[in-house]
């Protein structure tokens, strides 16, 4: 996951609060790297004083190698001594995938591609069966929070 995708996910209703806080604390790029590498894990954040201990130092260096020194310091300052859950953002990713699927399907059919061919092409592109594509197309589309109100009118 890159920072641009994480920014798009952050506008969806299913974007987890833990991810929002992580973006606020560490920045979007560091949060994206952390979520990509360690998503779904509980990570014991070392205290600043633990950086002199071998296990704390190793955990800090692992974090700094992934996020950069400035983001690692910010994470340790904010969460030091706690166990940080790093979200996977699965629900937001599913919402995003489904909205992209609908957009692509609509664009294809507006250009004259038949329903059957659009389903086939999307299935091949996303490594899904035609039935899976049709099921996802039949789900309600979830709009980003900032667009939901505007779409009502």
N, C-alpha and C. Protein backbone atom coordinates (compact mmCIF):
# COMPACT_ATOMS: atom_id res chain seq x y z
N UNK A 1 0.85 -1.17 0.00
CA UNK A 1 0.00 0.00 0.00
C UNK A 1 0.90 1.24 0.00
N UNK A 2 0.56 2.18 -0.84
CA UNK A 2 1.33 3.41 -0.86
C UNK A 2 0.52 4.53 -0.22
N UNK A 3 1.14 5.69 -0.07
CA UNK A 3 0.50 6.81 0.60
C UNK A 3 -0.72 7.30 -0.15
N UNK A 4 -0.70 7.26 -1.48
CA UNK A 4 -1.85 7.73 -2.26
C UNK A 4 -3.07 6.83 -2.02
N UNK A 5 -2.86 5.53 -2.00
CA UNK A 5 -3.97 4.62 -1.73
C UNK A 5 -4.49 4.81 -0.31
N UNK A 6 -3.60 4.96 0.65
CA UNK A 6 -4.02 5.18 2.03
C UNK A 6 -4.82 6.47 2.15
N UNK A 7 -4.44 7.50 1.42
CA UNK A 7 -5.19 8.75 1.44
C UNK A 7 -6.60 8.55 0.88
N UNK A 8 -6.73 7.76 -0.19
CA UNK A 8 -8.06 7.48 -0.73
C UNK A 8 -8.88 6.65 0.24
N UNK A 9 -8.26 5.67 0.87
CA UNK A 9 -8.97 4.85 1.85
C UNK A 9 -9.44 5.67 3.04
N UNK A 10 -8.67 6.67 3.41
CA UNK A 10 -8.98 7.46 4.61
C UNK A 10 -10.30 8.22 4.47
N UNK A 11 -10.80 8.39 3.25
CA UNK A 11 -12.06 9.09 3.05
C UNK A 11 -13.27 8.16 3.13
N UNK A 12 -13.04 6.86 3.22
CA UNK A 12 -14.13 5.90 3.25
C UNK A 12 -14.63 5.69 4.68
N UNK A 13 -15.93 5.42 4.83
CA UNK A 13 -16.49 5.22 6.19
C UNK A 13 -15.84 4.08 6.97
N UNK A 14 -15.36 3.05 6.29
CA UNK A 14 -14.79 1.89 6.98
C UNK A 14 -13.33 2.09 7.38
N UNK A 15 -12.76 3.24 7.12
CA UNK A 15 -11.36 3.47 7.49
C UNK A 15 -11.26 3.49 9.01
N UNK A 16 -10.41 2.62 9.59
CA UNK A 16 -10.39 2.50 11.05
C UNK A 16 -9.80 3.71 11.77
N UNK A 17 -10.35 3.96 12.95
CA UNK A 17 -9.87 5.07 13.78
C UNK A 17 -8.39 4.90 14.13
N UNK A 18 -7.97 3.66 14.35
CA UNK A 18 -6.55 3.42 14.67
C UNK A 18 -5.65 3.85 13.53
N UNK A 19 -6.11 3.67 12.31
CA UNK A 19 -5.32 4.10 11.15
C UNK A 19 -5.30 5.62 11.05
N UNK A 20 -6.43 6.26 11.34
CA UNK A 20 -6.48 7.73 11.32
C UNK A 20 -5.48 8.30 12.32
N UNK A 21 -5.44 7.71 13.51
CA UNK A 21 -4.52 8.19 14.53
C UNK A 21 -3.07 7.95 14.11
N UNK A 22 -2.81 6.81 13.52
CA UNK A 22 -1.45 6.50 13.07
C UNK A 22 -1.00 7.48 11.98
N UNK A 23 -1.89 7.83 11.08
CA UNK A 23 -1.57 8.83 10.05
C UNK A 23 -1.28 10.17 10.70
N UNK A 24 -2.07 10.55 11.69
CA UNK A 24 -1.87 11.83 12.39
C UNK A 24 -0.52 11.86 13.10
N UNK A 25 -0.16 10.75 13.75
CA UNK A 25 1.07 10.69 14.54
C UNK A 25 2.31 10.58 13.66
N UNK A 26 2.28 9.67 12.69
CA UNK A 26 3.50 9.33 11.94
C UNK A 26 3.56 9.95 10.55
N UNK A 27 2.44 10.40 10.04
CA UNK A 27 2.40 10.91 8.67
C UNK A 27 1.90 9.82 7.73
N UNK A 28 1.38 10.24 6.59
CA UNK A 28 0.72 9.31 5.68
C UNK A 28 1.70 8.30 5.07
N UNK A 29 2.89 8.72 4.72
CA UNK A 29 3.85 7.80 4.10
C UNK A 29 4.32 6.74 5.09
N UNK A 30 4.68 7.15 6.28
CA UNK A 30 5.12 6.19 7.30
C UNK A 30 3.98 5.25 7.69
N UNK A 31 2.78 5.79 7.83
CA UNK A 31 1.63 4.95 8.18
C UNK A 31 1.37 3.91 7.09
N UNK A 32 1.46 4.32 5.84
CA UNK A 32 1.25 3.38 4.73
C UNK A 32 2.28 2.26 4.76
N UNK A 33 3.51 2.61 5.02
CA UNK A 33 4.57 1.59 5.09
C UNK A 33 4.33 0.63 6.26
N UNK A 34 3.95 1.19 7.39
CA UNK A 34 3.70 0.38 8.58
C UNK A 34 2.50 -0.55 8.38
N UNK A 35 1.42 -0.04 7.81
CA UNK A 35 0.23 -0.84 7.57
C UNK A 35 0.53 -1.94 6.55
N UNK A 36 1.30 -1.62 5.54
CA UNK A 36 1.65 -2.62 4.53
C UNK A 36 2.50 -3.75 5.10
N UNK A 37 3.45 -3.39 5.91
CA UNK A 37 4.40 -4.38 6.42
C UNK A 37 3.89 -5.14 7.64
N UNK A 38 3.22 -4.44 8.55
CA UNK A 38 2.87 -5.06 9.83
C UNK A 38 1.37 -5.05 10.10
N UNK A 39 0.55 -4.80 9.10
CA UNK A 39 -0.90 -4.73 9.29
C UNK A 39 -1.45 -5.99 9.95
N UNK A 40 -2.33 -5.79 10.92
CA UNK A 40 -2.96 -6.89 11.63
C UNK A 40 -2.18 -7.36 12.85
N UNK A 41 -1.07 -6.71 13.13
CA UNK A 41 -0.22 -7.14 14.25
C UNK A 41 -0.34 -6.18 15.44
N UNK A 42 -0.12 -6.74 16.62
CA UNK A 42 0.03 -5.94 17.84
C UNK A 42 1.53 -5.81 18.05
N UNK A 43 1.99 -4.58 18.15
CA UNK A 43 3.42 -4.34 18.24
C UNK A 43 3.73 -3.60 19.54
N UNK A 44 4.60 -4.16 20.39
CA UNK A 44 4.96 -3.47 21.63
C UNK A 44 5.91 -2.31 21.33
N UNK A 45 5.43 -1.12 21.55
CA UNK A 45 6.21 0.08 21.25
C UNK A 45 7.20 0.32 22.39
N UNK A 46 8.48 0.41 22.06
CA UNK A 46 9.46 0.64 23.13
C UNK A 46 9.31 2.05 23.72
N UNK A 47 9.66 2.17 24.99
CA UNK A 47 9.74 3.50 25.61
C UNK A 47 11.05 4.11 25.19
N UNK A 48 11.12 5.40 25.22
CA UNK A 48 12.39 6.04 24.86
C UNK A 48 13.51 5.53 25.75
N UNK A 49 13.21 5.33 27.04
CA UNK A 49 14.25 4.85 27.95
C UNK A 49 14.67 3.43 27.62
N UNK A 50 13.79 2.65 26.97
CA UNK A 50 14.13 1.28 26.62
C UNK A 50 15.09 1.21 25.44
N UNK A 51 15.30 2.31 24.78
CA UNK A 51 16.21 2.28 23.64
C UNK A 51 17.62 1.90 24.06
N UNK A 52 17.90 1.97 25.36
CA UNK A 52 19.20 1.53 25.83
C UNK A 52 19.21 0.02 26.06
N UNK A 53 18.03 -0.58 26.18
CA UNK A 53 17.95 -2.03 26.32
C UNK A 53 17.98 -2.67 24.94
N UNK A 54 18.54 -3.83 24.87
CA UNK A 54 18.74 -4.49 23.57
C UNK A 54 17.44 -4.76 22.83
N UNK A 55 16.42 -5.30 23.52
CA UNK A 55 15.16 -5.61 22.83
C UNK A 55 14.44 -4.34 22.38
N UNK A 56 14.47 -3.31 23.22
CA UNK A 56 13.85 -2.05 22.84
C UNK A 56 14.57 -1.39 21.68
N UNK A 57 15.88 -1.45 21.72
CA UNK A 57 16.70 -0.88 20.64
C UNK A 57 16.42 -1.60 19.32
N UNK A 58 16.32 -2.93 19.36
CA UNK A 58 16.05 -3.68 18.13
C UNK A 58 14.66 -3.35 17.58
N UNK A 59 13.67 -3.26 18.47
CA UNK A 59 12.33 -2.91 18.00
C UNK A 59 12.30 -1.50 17.40
N UNK A 60 13.00 -0.57 18.07
CA UNK A 60 13.05 0.79 17.55
C UNK A 60 13.75 0.83 16.20
N UNK A 61 14.83 0.12 16.05
CA UNK A 61 15.56 0.13 14.77
C UNK A 61 14.73 -0.54 13.66
N UNK A 62 13.97 -1.58 13.99
CA UNK A 62 13.06 -2.19 13.01
C UNK A 62 12.04 -1.16 12.53
N UNK A 63 11.49 -0.43 13.49
CA UNK A 63 10.50 0.60 13.17
C UNK A 63 11.13 1.72 12.34
N UNK A 64 12.29 2.20 12.75
CA UNK A 64 12.96 3.29 12.03
C UNK A 64 13.35 2.87 10.62
N UNK A 65 13.76 1.61 10.47
CA UNK A 65 14.09 1.12 9.13
C UNK A 65 12.89 1.09 8.21
N UNK A 66 11.73 0.90 8.78
CA UNK A 66 10.50 0.84 7.99
C UNK A 66 9.91 2.21 7.72
N UNK A 67 9.87 3.06 8.74
CA UNK A 67 9.14 4.33 8.64
C UNK A 67 10.03 5.55 8.49
N UNK A 68 11.31 5.41 8.81
CA UNK A 68 12.20 6.57 8.88
C UNK A 68 12.35 7.00 10.32
N UNK A 69 13.44 7.65 10.62
CA UNK A 69 13.77 8.02 12.00
C UNK A 69 12.77 9.00 12.61
N UNK A 70 12.37 10.02 11.86
CA UNK A 70 11.46 11.03 12.41
C UNK A 70 10.11 10.41 12.77
N UNK A 71 9.57 9.59 11.89
CA UNK A 71 8.28 8.94 12.16
C UNK A 71 8.41 7.95 13.32
N UNK A 72 9.52 7.23 13.38
CA UNK A 72 9.73 6.28 14.47
C UNK A 72 9.78 7.01 15.81
N UNK A 73 10.46 8.12 15.85
CA UNK A 73 10.51 8.91 17.09
C UNK A 73 9.12 9.42 17.47
N UNK A 74 8.34 9.86 16.49
CA UNK A 74 6.99 10.35 16.77
C UNK A 74 6.10 9.22 17.30
N UNK A 75 6.24 8.04 16.73
CA UNK A 75 5.44 6.89 17.18
C UNK A 75 5.83 6.52 18.61
N UNK A 76 7.11 6.50 18.90
CA UNK A 76 7.58 6.15 20.24
C UNK A 76 7.14 7.21 21.25
N UNK A 77 7.21 8.48 20.88
CA UNK A 77 6.75 9.54 21.79
C UNK A 77 5.26 9.39 22.10
N UNK A 78 4.47 9.05 21.09
CA UNK A 78 3.02 8.98 21.26
C UNK A 78 2.56 7.68 21.91
N UNK A 79 3.12 6.57 21.49
CA UNK A 79 2.64 5.25 21.93
C UNK A 79 3.61 4.52 22.86
N UNK A 80 4.73 5.13 23.21
CA UNK A 80 5.77 4.45 23.97
C UNK A 80 5.25 3.71 25.20
N UNK A 81 5.63 2.45 25.31
CA UNK A 81 5.22 1.62 26.44
C UNK A 81 3.89 0.92 26.22
N UNK A 82 3.20 1.21 25.14
CA UNK A 82 1.90 0.60 24.84
C UNK A 82 2.07 -0.49 23.77
N UNK A 83 1.04 -1.26 23.64
CA UNK A 83 1.01 -2.21 22.54
C UNK A 83 0.14 -1.60 21.44
N UNK A 84 0.73 -1.32 20.32
CA UNK A 84 0.06 -0.65 19.21
C UNK A 84 -0.53 -1.69 18.26
N UNK A 85 -1.84 -1.58 18.00
CA UNK A 85 -2.44 -2.43 16.98
C UNK A 85 -2.30 -1.71 15.65
N UNK A 86 -1.72 -2.37 14.69
CA UNK A 86 -1.54 -1.80 13.36
C UNK A 86 -2.63 -2.40 12.47
N UNK A 87 -3.59 -1.58 12.04
CA UNK A 87 -4.73 -2.11 11.29
C UNK A 87 -4.35 -2.56 9.89
N UNK A 88 -5.13 -3.48 9.37
CA UNK A 88 -4.94 -3.94 7.99
C UNK A 88 -5.77 -3.12 7.01
N UNK A 89 -6.80 -2.46 7.51
CA UNK A 89 -7.71 -1.65 6.69
C UNK A 89 -8.48 -2.49 5.68
N UNK A 90 -8.77 -3.74 6.03
CA UNK A 90 -9.43 -4.65 5.09
C UNK A 90 -10.79 -4.16 4.64
N UNK A 91 -11.62 -3.68 5.57
CA UNK A 91 -12.96 -3.23 5.18
C UNK A 91 -12.88 -2.02 4.25
N UNK A 92 -11.99 -1.11 4.53
CA UNK A 92 -11.83 0.06 3.66
C UNK A 92 -11.30 -0.36 2.29
N UNK A 93 -10.38 -1.32 2.27
CA UNK A 93 -9.87 -1.83 0.99
C UNK A 93 -10.98 -2.50 0.18
N UNK A 94 -11.86 -3.23 0.84
CA UNK A 94 -12.98 -3.87 0.14
C UNK A 94 -13.93 -2.81 -0.42
N UNK A 95 -14.21 -1.77 0.38
CA UNK A 95 -15.07 -0.69 -0.11
C UNK A 95 -14.43 0.00 -1.31
N UNK A 96 -13.15 0.23 -1.23
CA UNK A 96 -12.44 0.89 -2.32
C UNK A 96 -12.45 0.02 -3.57
N UNK A 97 -12.16 -1.26 -3.42
CA UNK A 97 -12.16 -2.18 -4.55
C UNK A 97 -13.54 -2.22 -5.20
N UNK A 98 -14.56 -2.29 -4.39
CA UNK A 98 -15.92 -2.37 -4.93
C UNK A 98 -16.29 -1.09 -5.69
N UNK A 99 -15.93 0.06 -5.15
CA UNK A 99 -16.24 1.31 -5.85
C UNK A 99 -15.47 1.43 -7.16
N UNK A 100 -14.19 0.99 -7.15
CA UNK A 100 -13.39 0.99 -8.39
C UNK A 100 -13.98 0.03 -9.42
N UNK A 101 -14.44 -1.11 -8.97
CA UNK A 101 -15.03 -2.11 -9.85
C UNK A 101 -16.26 -1.54 -10.55
N UNK A 102 -17.12 -0.88 -9.79
CA UNK A 102 -18.32 -0.28 -10.36
C UNK A 102 -17.95 0.81 -11.35
N UNK A 103 -16.98 1.65 -11.00
CA UNK A 103 -16.53 2.71 -11.91
C UNK A 103 -16.02 2.12 -13.23
N UNK A 104 -15.19 1.09 -13.12
CA UNK A 104 -14.63 0.47 -14.33
C UNK A 104 -15.72 -0.21 -15.16
N UNK A 105 -16.62 -0.90 -14.51
CA UNK A 105 -17.72 -1.56 -15.21
C UNK A 105 -18.57 -0.52 -15.94
N UNK A 106 -18.93 0.55 -15.25
CA UNK A 106 -19.74 1.61 -15.86
C UNK A 106 -19.03 2.23 -17.06
N UNK A 107 -17.74 2.50 -16.91
CA UNK A 107 -16.98 3.09 -18.01
C UNK A 107 -16.94 2.15 -19.22
N UNK A 108 -16.75 0.87 -18.96
CA UNK A 108 -16.70 -0.11 -20.05
C UNK A 108 -18.04 -0.20 -20.78
N UNK A 109 -19.12 -0.29 -20.03
CA UNK A 109 -20.43 -0.45 -20.67
C UNK A 109 -20.87 0.84 -21.36
N UNK A 110 -20.45 2.00 -20.85
CA UNK A 110 -20.76 3.26 -21.55
C UNK A 110 -20.05 3.33 -22.90
N UNK A 111 -18.92 2.66 -23.00
CA UNK A 111 -18.16 2.65 -24.25
C UNK A 111 -18.66 1.56 -25.21
N UNK A 112 -19.73 0.89 -24.84
CA UNK A 112 -20.32 -0.11 -25.73
C UNK A 112 -19.91 -1.54 -25.48
N UNK A 113 -19.14 -1.80 -24.44
CA UNK A 113 -18.75 -3.18 -24.11
C UNK A 113 -19.97 -3.86 -23.50
N UNK A 114 -20.23 -5.09 -23.91
CA UNK A 114 -21.38 -5.81 -23.38
C UNK A 114 -21.18 -6.17 -21.91
N UNK A 115 -22.28 -6.43 -21.23
CA UNK A 115 -22.23 -6.82 -19.83
C UNK A 115 -21.35 -8.07 -19.67
N UNK A 116 -21.58 -9.05 -20.50
CA UNK A 116 -20.84 -10.32 -20.40
C UNK A 116 -19.34 -10.12 -20.59
N UNK A 117 -18.96 -9.31 -21.59
CA UNK A 117 -17.53 -9.07 -21.83
C UNK A 117 -16.93 -8.24 -20.69
N UNK A 118 -17.67 -7.27 -20.19
CA UNK A 118 -17.16 -6.45 -19.08
C UNK A 118 -16.91 -7.32 -17.85
N UNK A 119 -17.84 -8.21 -17.54
CA UNK A 119 -17.68 -9.12 -16.40
C UNK A 119 -16.46 -10.01 -16.62
N UNK A 120 -16.31 -10.55 -17.82
CA UNK A 120 -15.17 -11.41 -18.13
C UNK A 120 -13.86 -10.64 -17.97
N UNK A 121 -13.77 -9.47 -18.60
CA UNK A 121 -12.53 -8.68 -18.55
C UNK A 121 -12.17 -8.28 -17.12
N UNK A 122 -13.16 -7.87 -16.33
CA UNK A 122 -12.89 -7.49 -14.95
C UNK A 122 -12.47 -8.70 -14.12
N UNK A 123 -13.07 -9.85 -14.40
CA UNK A 123 -12.68 -11.07 -13.70
C UNK A 123 -11.22 -11.43 -13.96
N UNK A 124 -10.82 -11.31 -15.21
CA UNK A 124 -9.43 -11.60 -15.57
C UNK A 124 -8.50 -10.57 -14.93
N UNK A 125 -8.87 -9.30 -15.00
CA UNK A 125 -8.01 -8.23 -14.46
C UNK A 125 -7.78 -8.40 -12.96
N UNK A 126 -8.84 -8.75 -12.22
CA UNK A 126 -8.75 -8.83 -10.77
C UNK A 126 -8.64 -10.25 -10.23
N UNK A 127 -8.45 -11.22 -11.12
CA UNK A 127 -8.30 -12.62 -10.72
C UNK A 127 -9.49 -13.09 -9.87
N UNK A 128 -10.69 -12.77 -10.33
CA UNK A 128 -11.94 -13.17 -9.67
C UNK A 128 -12.80 -13.89 -10.69
N UNK A 129 -13.72 -14.70 -10.20
CA UNK A 129 -14.66 -15.35 -11.11
C UNK A 129 -15.70 -14.33 -11.57
N UNK A 130 -16.36 -14.64 -12.67
CA UNK A 130 -17.42 -13.77 -13.15
C UNK A 130 -18.52 -13.61 -12.12
N UNK A 131 -18.82 -14.69 -11.42
CA UNK A 131 -19.85 -14.65 -10.36
C UNK A 131 -19.43 -13.71 -9.24
N UNK A 132 -18.16 -13.75 -8.85
CA UNK A 132 -17.67 -12.85 -7.80
C UNK A 132 -17.78 -11.38 -8.24
N UNK A 133 -17.45 -11.13 -9.49
CA UNK A 133 -17.56 -9.76 -10.01
C UNK A 133 -19.01 -9.31 -9.99
N UNK A 134 -19.91 -10.14 -10.46
CA UNK A 134 -21.33 -9.77 -10.46
C UNK A 134 -21.85 -9.55 -9.05
N UNK A 135 -21.44 -10.37 -8.11
CA UNK A 135 -21.88 -10.19 -6.72
C UNK A 135 -21.40 -8.84 -6.18
N UNK A 136 -20.17 -8.50 -6.47
CA UNK A 136 -19.65 -7.22 -5.98
C UNK A 136 -20.32 -6.03 -6.66
N UNK A 137 -20.66 -6.19 -7.93
CA UNK A 137 -21.35 -5.11 -8.63
C UNK A 137 -22.75 -4.89 -8.08
N UNK A 138 -23.33 -5.92 -7.50
CA UNK A 138 -24.69 -5.80 -6.96
C UNK A 138 -24.72 -5.26 -5.53
N UNK A 139 -23.57 -5.08 -4.90
CA UNK A 139 -23.52 -4.50 -3.57
C UNK A 139 -23.72 -2.99 -3.67
N UNK A 140 -24.26 -2.36 -2.62
CA UNK A 140 -24.38 -0.90 -2.65
C UNK A 140 -23.01 -0.24 -2.66
N UNK A 141 -22.90 0.83 -3.40
CA UNK A 141 -21.63 1.56 -3.48
C UNK A 141 -21.52 2.46 -2.26
N UNK A 142 -20.36 2.43 -1.62
CA UNK A 142 -20.10 3.28 -0.46
C UNK A 142 -19.31 4.48 -0.94
N UNK A 143 -19.84 5.65 -0.67
CA UNK A 143 -19.18 6.89 -1.10
C UNK A 143 -18.23 7.38 -0.02
N UNK A 144 -17.17 8.06 -0.42
CA UNK A 144 -16.31 8.70 0.58
C UNK A 144 -17.12 9.69 1.40
N UNK A 145 -16.74 9.88 2.66
CA UNK A 145 -17.48 10.77 3.55
C UNK A 145 -17.67 12.16 2.99
N UNK A 146 -16.66 12.72 2.34
CA UNK A 146 -16.75 14.09 1.86
C UNK A 146 -17.66 14.22 0.63
N UNK A 147 -17.97 13.13 -0.04
CA UNK A 147 -18.84 13.19 -1.21
C UNK A 147 -20.25 12.74 -0.93
N UNK A 148 -20.49 12.09 0.19
CA UNK A 148 -21.80 11.49 0.46
C UNK A 148 -22.91 12.52 0.45
N UNK A 149 -22.71 13.64 1.10
CA UNK A 149 -23.76 14.66 1.18
C UNK A 149 -24.01 15.30 -0.19
N UNK A 150 -22.94 15.54 -0.93
CA UNK A 150 -23.10 16.18 -2.24
C UNK A 150 -23.86 15.30 -3.21
N UNK A 151 -23.72 13.99 -3.10
CA UNK A 151 -24.37 13.06 -4.02
C UNK A 151 -25.88 12.97 -3.78
N UNK A 152 -26.36 13.49 -2.66
CA UNK A 152 -27.79 13.42 -2.36
C UNK A 152 -28.61 14.37 -3.23
N UNK A 153 -27.97 15.41 -3.75
CA UNK A 153 -28.70 16.42 -4.50
C UNK A 153 -28.36 16.43 -5.96
